[in-house]
Amino acid sequence: MPAPLLMLAATLLFATMGVCVKLAAAHYATGEIVFYRGLIGALFIAMMARVRGGSLRTAVPGMHFWRSASGVCALCLWFYAIAHLPLATAVTLNYMSSVWMALFLIGGAVMLGGGRSAVDGRLVATVLVGFAGVALVLRPTLEHDQLWAGLVGLLSGMLAAMAYLQVTALGRAGEPEYRVVFYFSLGSVAAGAATMLWTGPSAHSVRGVLLLLATGVLATTAQILMTRAYAIGRTLSNASLQYLGIVFSFAYGVWLFDDPVTWMALSGMLLIVGAGLAATLLRTQKAPPDSTFPASES
């Protein structure tokens, strides 16, 4: 299957997963959803590795730990935002990761003492445009006392950017994609189990179990499709198609949850998408060929 179709399928599956998370939030706490999502993902990847003769042993456990820590935190915050915000708003804030990475590049250049000449003005512009989009997206939520959830969603995007940078480092270290996803899933299991010790497990129902199962299967399948797309396709083209997830989530939100449609939210989403694409283009131009390792879900 060509990369564009893989990305299209992956974004649709991720958006559908968001629907399942939002519905499951009525039955389970965020930590429980993260636990079962990670458990299903770990089992799925372990079976796949066994069938293909791959190894799950790693020579860089420390790198996996930090990648999993940032990725799992991003995932928990994102699931919380999905439960408490319009679906498209939560997804858009998480997709701010490209803009956050541009901000990290600017901060790194300043900290290394490069001065103004080392800071690309175009990257500064993408950051400013991205945060203008955030202001427009979050402005409608202020009327519904959802500012806290909006800030949580914004933080999920920042942590997702950190996770992406660590995934890139793991790719340079020679770690295969399935192993990265496996340890990320184990991290989700550990974090979810820890929160369940605090909150206690919820009672299961047929509907709840089906939603948890769907969340895990959809997320893992989407990760595999997206990883394959980045492996065979062009980074900028894939990143562009990845933003279709916002469109799918917006359609789901209006259709299933009666999410409001406002011009400010739509304008903000367009600004964030534009800023993210511009940041991706600039990073692609500056990065060496082996640094475009695909990002996973978080």
Protein backbone atom coordinates (compact mmCIF):
# COMPACT_ATOMS: atom_id res chain seq x y z
CA MET A 1 0.00 0.00 0.00
CA PRO A 2 1.45 3.45 -0.89
CA ALA A 3 2.41 5.88 1.89
CA PRO A 4 -0.47 8.37 1.32
CA LEU A 5 -3.07 5.64 1.75
CA LEU A 6 -1.27 4.33 4.83
CA MET A 7 -1.32 7.82 6.37
CA LEU A 8 -4.97 8.31 5.46
CA ALA A 9 -5.90 5.03 7.15
CA ALA A 10 -3.73 5.79 10.19
CA THR A 11 -5.23 9.25 10.77
CA LEU A 12 -8.77 7.87 10.45
CA LEU A 13 -7.98 5.10 12.93
CA PHE A 14 -6.43 7.57 15.41
CA ALA A 15 -9.51 9.80 15.14
CA THR A 16 -11.77 6.79 15.68
CA MET A 17 -9.64 5.85 18.69
CA GLY A 18 -10.30 9.33 20.07
CA VAL A 19 -14.03 8.66 19.85
CA CYS A 20 -13.57 5.40 21.76
CA VAL A 21 -11.50 7.17 24.44
CA LYS A 22 -14.15 9.86 24.85
CA LEU A 23 -16.89 7.24 25.20
CA ALA A 24 -14.78 5.05 27.51
CA ALA A 25 -14.16 8.05 29.79
CA ALA A 26 -17.74 7.70 30.97
CA HIS A 27 -16.86 4.26 32.40
CA TYR A 28 -13.15 4.45 33.30
CA ALA A 29 -10.60 6.88 34.68
CA THR A 30 -7.90 8.17 32.34
CA GLY A 31 -5.23 5.96 33.93
CA GLU A 32 -7.30 2.83 33.36
CA ILE A 33 -7.75 3.64 29.66
CA VAL A 34 -4.00 4.21 29.35
CA PHE A 35 -3.33 0.88 31.10
CA TYR A 36 -5.52 -1.20 28.82
CA ARG A 37 -4.41 0.66 25.72
CA GLY A 38 -0.79 -0.13 26.62
CA LEU A 39 -1.52 -3.74 27.55
CA ILE A 40 -3.21 -4.48 24.24
CA GLY A 41 -0.44 -2.70 22.36
CA ALA A 42 2.35 -4.58 24.15
CA LEU A 43 0.71 -7.95 23.53
CA PHE A 44 0.10 -7.10 19.89
CA ILE A 45 3.70 -6.00 19.27
CA ALA A 46 5.14 -8.98 21.20
CA MET A 47 3.14 -11.39 19.05
CA MET A 48 4.18 -9.59 15.87
CA ALA A 49 7.85 -9.67 16.87
CA ARG A 50 7.64 -13.38 17.66
CA VAL A 51 6.02 -14.19 14.32
CA ARG A 52 8.60 -12.15 12.40
CA GLY A 53 11.55 -13.41 14.45
CA GLY A 54 12.36 -10.01 15.92
CA SER A 55 13.95 -9.41 19.32
CA LEU A 56 12.55 -7.21 22.07
CA ARG A 57 15.89 -6.97 23.89
CA THR A 58 17.49 -3.55 23.82
CA ALA A 59 20.98 -2.23 24.45
CA VAL A 60 19.68 1.24 25.36
CA PRO A 61 17.12 0.78 28.16
CA GLY A 62 17.74 4.25 29.52
CA MET A 63 16.76 5.88 26.25
CA HIS A 64 13.58 3.83 26.14
CA PHE A 65 12.78 4.83 29.72
CA TRP A 66 12.92 8.57 29.00
CA ARG A 67 11.07 8.17 25.70
CA SER A 68 8.36 6.16 27.44
CA ALA A 69 8.13 8.58 30.37
CA SER A 70 7.53 11.61 28.17
CA GLY A 71 5.31 9.71 25.74
CA VAL A 72 3.14 8.16 28.46
CA CYS A 73 2.70 11.51 30.21
CA ALA A 74 1.70 13.04 26.88
CA LEU A 75 -0.75 10.20 26.28
CA CYS A 76 -2.35 10.51 29.74
CA LEU A 77 -2.79 14.25 29.35
CA TRP A 78 -4.16 13.84 25.84
CA PHE A 79 -6.73 11.26 26.93
CA TYR A 80 -7.77 13.59 29.77
CA ALA A 81 -8.19 16.44 27.29
CA ILE A 82 -10.23 14.22 24.95
CA ALA A 83 -12.57 13.39 27.82
CA HIS A 84 -13.14 17.03 28.80
CA LEU A 85 -12.87 19.02 25.55
CA PRO A 86 -14.49 18.95 22.14
CA LEU A 87 -12.75 16.13 20.29
CA ALA A 88 -11.25 18.30 17.54
CA THR A 89 -9.92 20.80 20.10
CA ALA A 90 -8.11 18.11 22.08
CA VAL A 91 -6.61 16.59 18.93
CA THR A 92 -5.52 19.99 17.60
CA LEU A 93 -3.74 20.91 20.83
CA ASN A 94 -1.88 17.58 20.80
CA TYR A 95 -0.85 18.23 17.18
CA MET A 96 0.93 21.38 18.39
CA SER A 97 3.97 19.12 18.83
CA SER A 98 5.53 20.36 15.57
CA VAL A 99 5.31 23.95 16.79
CA TRP A 100 6.77 22.97 20.17
CA MET A 101 9.71 21.33 18.39
CA ALA A 102 10.34 24.56 16.51
CA LEU A 103 10.39 26.36 19.86
CA PHE A 104 12.85 23.77 21.23
CA LEU A 105 15.14 24.39 18.24
CA ILE A 106 15.04 28.14 18.89
CA GLY A 107 15.75 27.65 22.60
CA GLY A 108 18.62 25.29 21.82
CA ALA A 109 20.21 27.78 19.45
CA VAL A 110 19.97 30.53 22.06
CA MET A 111 21.36 28.35 24.85
CA LEU A 112 24.32 27.35 22.70
CA GLY A 113 25.19 31.01 22.34
CA GLY A 114 24.48 31.29 18.65
CA GLY A 115 22.88 34.68 18.97
CA ARG A 116 20.30 36.09 16.61
CA SER A 117 22.09 34.77 13.54
CA ALA A 118 21.57 31.19 14.74
CA VAL A 119 17.82 31.63 15.19
CA ASP A 120 15.78 31.18 12.02
CA GLY A 121 13.21 33.95 11.88
CA ARG A 122 10.88 31.66 9.96
CA LEU A 123 10.83 29.25 12.90
CA VAL A 124 9.99 32.13 15.24
CA ALA A 125 7.12 33.02 12.92
CA THR A 126 5.75 29.47 12.98
CA VAL A 127 5.80 29.48 16.79
CA LEU A 128 3.96 32.80 16.96
CA VAL A 129 1.37 31.71 14.39
CA GLY A 130 0.90 28.40 16.22
CA PHE A 131 0.25 30.05 19.55
CA ALA A 132 -2.11 32.55 17.91
CA GLY A 133 -4.02 29.50 16.73
CA VAL A 134 -4.05 28.11 20.26
CA ALA A 135 -5.53 31.37 21.55
CA LEU A 136 -8.33 31.16 19.00
CA VAL A 137 -8.98 27.47 19.70
CA LEU A 138 -9.08 27.90 23.48
CA ARG A 139 -11.01 31.18 23.50
CA PRO A 140 -14.39 29.48 22.89
CA THR A 141 -13.72 26.97 25.66
CA LEU A 142 -13.34 29.70 28.28
CA GLU A 143 -17.09 30.19 28.21
CA HIS A 144 -17.57 26.57 29.24
CA ASP A 145 -15.06 26.51 32.10
CA GLN A 146 -12.73 24.23 30.15
CA LEU A 147 -9.56 26.29 30.44
CA TRP A 148 -7.83 23.70 32.66
CA ALA A 149 -8.50 20.90 30.18
CA GLY A 150 -7.27 23.17 27.40
CA LEU A 151 -3.98 23.77 29.19
CA VAL A 152 -3.65 20.03 29.80
CA GLY A 153 -4.13 19.42 26.06
CA LEU A 154 -1.52 22.05 25.25
CA LEU A 155 0.95 20.42 27.64
CA SER A 156 0.29 17.04 26.00
CA GLY A 157 1.51 18.48 22.71
CA MET A 158 4.70 19.79 24.33
CA LEU A 159 5.48 16.41 25.90
CA ALA A 160 4.66 14.68 22.59
CA ALA A 161 7.31 16.87 20.97
CA MET A 162 9.85 15.76 23.56
CA ALA A 163 8.88 12.14 22.92
CA TYR A 164 9.32 12.64 19.18
CA LEU A 165 12.85 13.96 19.67
CA GLN A 166 13.68 10.92 21.81
CA VAL A 167 12.19 8.59 19.19
CA THR A 168 14.47 10.24 16.65
CA ALA A 169 17.46 9.55 18.90
CA LEU A 170 16.41 5.92 19.28
CA GLY A 171 16.17 5.60 15.51
CA ARG A 172 19.72 6.90 15.16
CA ALA A 173 20.80 4.36 17.78
CA GLY A 174 19.48 1.60 15.51
CA GLU A 175 16.35 0.66 17.46
CA PRO A 176 13.59 -0.75 15.21
CA GLU A 177 10.18 0.91 15.28
CA TYR A 178 8.33 -2.06 16.79
CA ARG A 179 10.71 -2.14 19.76
CA VAL A 180 10.17 1.57 20.43
CA VAL A 181 6.40 1.07 20.35
CA PHE A 182 6.68 -2.01 22.57
CA TYR A 183 8.53 -0.25 25.39
CA PHE A 184 6.23 2.75 25.08
CA SER A 185 3.30 0.35 25.55
CA LEU A 186 4.99 -1.19 28.61
CA GLY A 187 5.41 2.30 30.01
CA SER A 188 1.69 2.89 29.50
CA VAL A 189 0.92 -0.32 31.40
CA ALA A 190 3.15 0.71 34.30
CA ALA A 191 1.76 4.24 34.54
CA GLY A 192 -1.82 3.08 34.23
CA ALA A 193 -1.33 0.40 36.88
CA ALA A 194 0.14 2.98 39.26
CA THR A 195 -2.86 5.25 38.91
CA MET A 196 -5.22 2.30 39.37
CA LEU A 197 -3.54 1.55 42.71
CA TRP A 198 -4.50 5.07 43.73
CA THR A 199 -8.01 5.31 42.26
CA GLY A 200 -8.98 1.66 42.31
CA PRO A 201 -10.29 -0.30 39.31
CA SER A 202 -13.68 0.43 37.82
CA ALA A 203 -16.41 -2.14 37.31
CA HIS A 204 -16.46 -3.60 33.82
CA SER A 205 -19.39 -3.84 31.45
CA VAL A 206 -19.67 -5.30 27.97
CA ARG A 207 -19.76 -1.81 26.47
CA GLY A 208 -16.75 -0.69 28.49
CA VAL A 209 -14.65 -3.73 27.62
CA LEU A 210 -15.44 -3.34 23.92
CA LEU A 211 -14.43 0.33 24.04
CA LEU A 212 -11.13 -0.51 25.77
CA LEU A 213 -10.41 -3.25 23.26
CA ALA A 214 -11.22 -0.95 20.35
CA THR A 215 -8.97 1.77 21.78
CA GLY A 216 -5.99 -0.55 22.03
CA VAL A 217 -6.45 -2.23 18.65
CA LEU A 218 -7.11 1.02 16.79
CA ALA A 219 -4.16 2.82 18.38
CA THR A 220 -1.67 0.00 17.77
CA THR A 221 -2.80 -0.59 14.19
CA ALA A 222 -2.63 3.13 13.46
CA GLN A 223 0.88 3.33 14.90
CA ILE A 224 2.07 0.49 12.69
CA LEU A 225 0.50 2.02 9.57
CA MET A 226 1.96 5.44 10.34
CA THR A 227 5.41 4.02 11.03
CA ARG A 228 5.33 2.18 7.72
CA ALA A 229 4.21 5.32 5.90
CA TYR A 230 7.13 7.32 7.30
CA ALA A 231 9.51 4.50 6.39
CA ILE A 232 8.55 4.47 2.69
CA GLY A 233 7.13 7.94 2.09
CA ARG A 234 8.24 11.56 2.19
CA THR A 235 8.32 13.17 5.61
CA LEU A 236 6.62 16.43 4.63
CA SER A 237 3.90 14.68 2.63
CA ASN A 238 3.19 12.34 5.54
CA ALA A 239 3.13 15.22 8.02
CA SER A 240 0.67 17.07 5.80
CA LEU A 241 -1.67 14.09 5.60
CA GLN A 242 -1.34 13.50 9.34
CA TYR A 243 -3.28 16.71 9.95
CA LEU A 244 -6.32 15.08 8.39
CA GLY A 245 -6.75 13.62 11.87
CA ILE A 246 -8.06 17.03 12.95
CA VAL A 247 -10.61 16.99 10.13
CA PHE A 248 -11.78 13.49 10.99
CA SER A 249 -11.98 14.37 14.69
CA PHE A 250 -13.92 17.54 13.93
CA ALA A 251 -16.44 15.57 11.87
CA TYR A 252 -16.78 12.94 14.61
CA GLY A 253 -17.23 15.62 17.27
CA VAL A 254 -20.00 17.42 15.42
CA TRP A 255 -21.70 14.19 14.39
CA LEU A 256 -21.53 12.19 17.62
CA PHE A 257 -21.06 14.71 20.44
CA ASP A 258 -22.77 17.88 19.14
CA ASP A 259 -19.51 19.80 19.50
CA PRO A 260 -19.96 23.51 18.70
CA VAL A 261 -18.76 24.94 15.40
CA THR A 262 -17.30 28.44 15.82
CA TRP A 263 -15.32 30.57 13.40
CA MET A 264 -12.65 31.23 16.04
CA ALA A 265 -12.04 27.52 16.66
CA LEU A 266 -11.92 26.76 12.93
CA SER A 267 -9.54 29.66 12.28
CA GLY A 268 -7.32 28.55 15.15
CA MET A 269 -7.16 24.99 13.82
CA LEU A 270 -6.14 26.28 10.39
CA LEU A 271 -3.39 28.44 11.94
CA ILE A 272 -2.05 25.51 13.97
CA VAL A 273 -2.08 23.21 10.93
CA GLY A 274 -0.30 25.84 8.83
CA ALA A 275 2.28 26.50 11.54
CA GLY A 276 2.87 22.78 12.04
CA LEU A 277 3.39 22.16 8.33
CA ALA A 278 5.75 25.12 8.05
CA ALA A 279 7.75 23.95 11.06
CA THR A 280 7.96 20.44 9.60
CA LEU A 281 9.18 21.82 6.27
CA LEU A 282 11.86 23.93 7.92
CA ARG A 283 13.05 21.03 10.10
CA THR A 284 13.17 18.75 7.06
CA GLN A 285 15.31 21.28 5.19
CA LYS A 286 17.75 21.58 8.08
CA ALA A 287 17.87 17.95 9.24
CA PRO A 288 20.19 15.21 7.95
CA PRO A 289 18.49 12.36 6.06
CA ASP A 290 18.57 9.92 8.99
CA SER A 291 16.83 12.25 11.42
CA THR A 292 13.33 11.89 10.03
CA PHE A 293 12.43 8.86 12.15
CA PRO A 294 8.66 8.65 12.39
CA ALA A 295 6.78 9.81 15.42
CA SER A 296 4.48 7.41 17.18
CA GLU A 297 1.20 8.31 18.81
CA SER A 298 2.81 10.31 21.61
